[in-house]
Structures are given as structure tokens and as C-alpha cells.
C-alpha atoms as a PDB file:
ATOM      1  CA  GLY A   1      10.840 -27.370   1.389  1.00  0.00           C
ATOM      2  CA  GLN A   2       9.175 -28.540   4.439  1.00  0.00           C
ATOM      3  CA  HIS A   3      10.458 -28.328   8.121  1.00  0.00           C
ATOM      4  CA  VAL A   4       9.470 -29.761  11.563  1.00  0.00           C
ATOM      5  CA  ALA A   5      10.648 -27.949  14.711  1.00  0.00           C
ATOM      6  CA  ALA A   6      10.708 -29.322  18.144  1.00  0.00           C
ATOM      7  CA  GLU A   7      11.955 -27.834  21.434  1.00  0.00           C
ATOM      8  CA  LEU A   8      14.358 -30.438  23.422  1.00  0.00           C
ATOM      9  CA  SER A   9      15.255 -29.865  26.895  1.00  0.00           C
ATOM     10  CA  ALA A  10      16.307 -31.777  29.864  1.00  0.00           C
ATOM     11  CA  GLU A  11      13.074 -31.008  31.604  1.00  0.00           C
ATOM     12  CA  ASN A  12      10.869 -32.319  28.916  1.00  0.00           C
ATOM     13  CA  GLY A  13      13.265 -35.258  27.962  1.00  0.00           C
ATOM     14  CA  ARG A  14      12.166 -35.444  24.369  1.00  0.00           C
ATOM     15  CA  GLN A  15      14.493 -36.804  21.465  1.00  0.00           C
ATOM     16  CA  LEU A  16      14.283 -36.271  17.821  1.00  0.00           C
ATOM     17  CA  PHE A  17      15.139 -38.824  15.147  1.00  0.00           C
ATOM     18  CA  VAL A  18      16.687 -37.320  11.780  1.00  0.00           C
ATOM     19  CA  PRO A  19      17.106 -39.846   9.075  1.00  0.00           C
ATOM     20  CA  VAL A  20      20.171 -40.011   7.087  1.00  0.00           C
ATOM     21  CA  GLY A  21      20.168 -37.504   4.381  1.00  0.00           C
ATOM     22  CA  PHE A  22      17.771 -34.994   6.108  1.00  0.00           C
ATOM     23  CA  ALA A  23      19.018 -31.531   6.698  1.00  0.00           C
ATOM     24  CA  HIS A  24      19.137 -30.542  10.344  1.00  0.00           C
ATOM     25  CA  GLY A  25      19.905 -27.550  12.547  1.00  0.00           C
ATOM     26  CA  PHE A  26      20.163 -26.831  16.071  1.00  0.00           C
ATOM     27  CA  LEU A  27      19.556 -23.543  17.986  1.00  0.00           C
ATOM     28  CA  THR A  28      20.310 -23.303  21.788  1.00  0.00           C
ATOM     29  CA  LEU A  29      17.786 -21.009  23.852  1.00  0.00           C
ATOM     30  CA  GLU A  30      19.879 -20.915  26.767  1.00  0.00           C
ATOM     31  CA  PRO A  31      23.345 -19.438  27.101  1.00  0.00           C
ATOM     32  CA  ASP A  32      25.052 -22.495  28.855  1.00  0.00           C
ATOM     33  CA  CYS A  33      23.846 -25.448  26.891  1.00  0.00           C
ATOM     34  CA  GLU A  34      24.913 -29.077  25.923  1.00  0.00           C
ATOM     35  CA  VAL A  35      23.827 -30.754  22.567  1.00  0.00           C
ATOM     36  CA  THR A  36      24.469 -34.445  22.403  1.00  0.00           C
ATOM     37  CA  TYR A  37      23.752 -36.412  19.447  1.00  0.00           C
ATOM     38  CA  LYS A  38      24.333 -39.827  17.696  1.00  0.00           C
ATOM     39  CA  VAL A  39      25.345 -40.364  14.178  1.00  0.00           C
ATOM     40  CA  SER A  40      25.111 -43.378  12.028  1.00  0.00           C
ATOM     41  CA  ASP A  41      28.753 -43.624  10.929  1.00  0.00           C
ATOM     42  CA  VAL A  42      32.092 -41.957  11.562  1.00  0.00           C
ATOM     43  CA  TYR A  43      32.647 -38.276  10.670  1.00  0.00           C
ATOM     44  CA  ALA A  44      33.640 -37.903   6.778  1.00  0.00           C
ATOM     45  CA  PRO A  45      34.248 -34.469   5.860  1.00  0.00           C
ATOM     46  CA  ALA A  46      34.188 -35.125   2.257  1.00  0.00           C
ATOM     47  CA  CYS A  47      30.550 -36.343   2.560  1.00  0.00           C
ATOM     48  CA  ASP A  48      29.635 -33.260   4.804  1.00  0.00           C
ATOM     49  CA  GLY A  49      27.222 -30.534   3.566  1.00  0.00           C
ATOM     50  CA  GLY A  50      24.555 -28.097   4.480  1.00  0.00           C
ATOM     51  CA  VAL A  51      22.764 -24.830   3.532  1.00  0.00           C
ATOM     52  CA  ARG A  52      22.371 -21.589   5.149  1.00  0.00           C
ATOM     53  CA  TRP A  53      20.272 -21.344   8.288  1.00  0.00           C
ATOM     54  CA  ASP A  54      18.799 -17.941   7.215  1.00  0.00           C
ATOM     55  CA  ASP A  55      18.113 -18.883   3.451  1.00  0.00           C
ATOM     56  CA  PRO A  56      15.226 -16.744   2.405  1.00  0.00           C
ATOM     57  CA  ALA A  57      13.978 -19.596   0.074  1.00  0.00           C
ATOM     58  CA  LEU A  58      13.649 -21.715   3.210  1.00  0.00           C
ATOM     59  CA  ALA A  59      12.285 -18.872   5.400  1.00  0.00           C
ATOM     60  CA  LEU A  60      12.778 -21.161   8.534  1.00  0.00           C
ATOM     61  CA  PRO A  61      10.941 -19.579  11.584  1.00  0.00           C
ATOM     62  CA  TRP A  62      13.989 -19.569  13.908  1.00  0.00           C
ATOM     63  CA  PRO A  63      12.964 -18.385  17.549  1.00  0.00           C
ATOM     64  CA  LEU A  64      15.248 -15.517  17.743  1.00  0.00           C
ATOM     65  CA  PRO A  65      14.568 -11.916  19.315  1.00  0.00           C
ATOM     66  CA  PRO A  66      14.452  -9.337  16.468  1.00  0.00           C
ATOM     67  CA  GLY A  67      18.007  -8.269  15.401  1.00  0.00           C
ATOM     68  CA  VAL A  68      19.765 -11.266  17.015  1.00  0.00           C
ATOM     69  CA  THR A  69      22.111 -13.226  14.906  1.00  0.00           C
ATOM     70  CA  PRO A  70      23.221 -16.737  16.293  1.00  0.00           C
ATOM     71  CA  GLU A  71      26.851 -17.650  16.768  1.00  0.00           C
ATOM     72  CA  LEU A  72      27.683 -20.029  14.105  1.00  0.00           C
ATOM     73  CA  SER A  73      30.804 -22.207  13.449  1.00  0.00           C
ATOM     74  CA  ALA A  74      33.258 -21.258  10.831  1.00  0.00           C
ATOM     75  CA  LYS A  75      31.894 -24.236   8.500  1.00  0.00           C
ATOM     76  CA  ASP A  76      28.302 -23.011   8.933  1.00  0.00           C
ATOM     77  CA  GLN A  77      29.250 -19.457   8.048  1.00  0.00           C
ATOM     78  CA  THR A  78      30.238 -20.431   4.440  1.00  0.00           C
ATOM     79  CA  LEU A  79      27.300 -22.744   3.664  1.00  0.00           C
ATOM     80  CA  PRO A  80      25.578 -22.088   0.217  1.00  0.00           C
ATOM     81  CA  LEU A  81      21.957 -21.163  -0.418  1.00  0.00           C
ATOM     82  CA  VAL A  82      19.684 -24.344  -0.929  1.00  0.00           C
ATOM     83  CA  ALA A  83      19.514 -23.088  -4.746  1.00  0.00           C
ATOM     84  CA  ASP A  84      23.408 -23.522  -4.849  1.00  0.00           C
ATOM     85  CA  PHE A  85      23.588 -26.837  -2.889  1.00  0.00           C
ATOM     86  CA  ALA A  86      25.273 -29.790  -4.967  1.00  0.00           C
END
């Protein structure tokens, strides 16, 4: 039920370590961005999971202008609420 937010950019050179098992999400603030990340193992779709970015129970303060909805992958559009996460 807690979160950490950080702005990462080429200019500030910051990186973020997310331990295995922790949920994480990315929001690009510019229209033409590259997001690069490393993972601990090969991708295993059967082990993949997540929760909705806009889950009211989490109430994450995404830095979006009013009325703007982010563009999501097909996979992320179908994620469950945290209460329904198995």
C-alpha cells in the first residue's frame, strides 16, 4: 500500500532499482521517449502480473494533466484491481 516516485531523465542521470516481486510502472512525460530497463531473468509470460494503474484503492498521484489518460499496452488495459490480484 505504499509507493515511491522518481523522475528519471537523461539530464539527471538517475536510475531506480526495483526488487523482484515489487510492482512498478512507468509514465513518460515527453512524447518521444526511450525507456530502458534490466531484468533478473528471461521473460516468462506465465509469471507476469500486475494491477491497474488507476486503481482507486492505490490512488497513485500520477503527474497527468486533468482529463488526460495514458496510452496503455493491450496487456495493461486488462489488469485487475489490487483487490482482485491473485
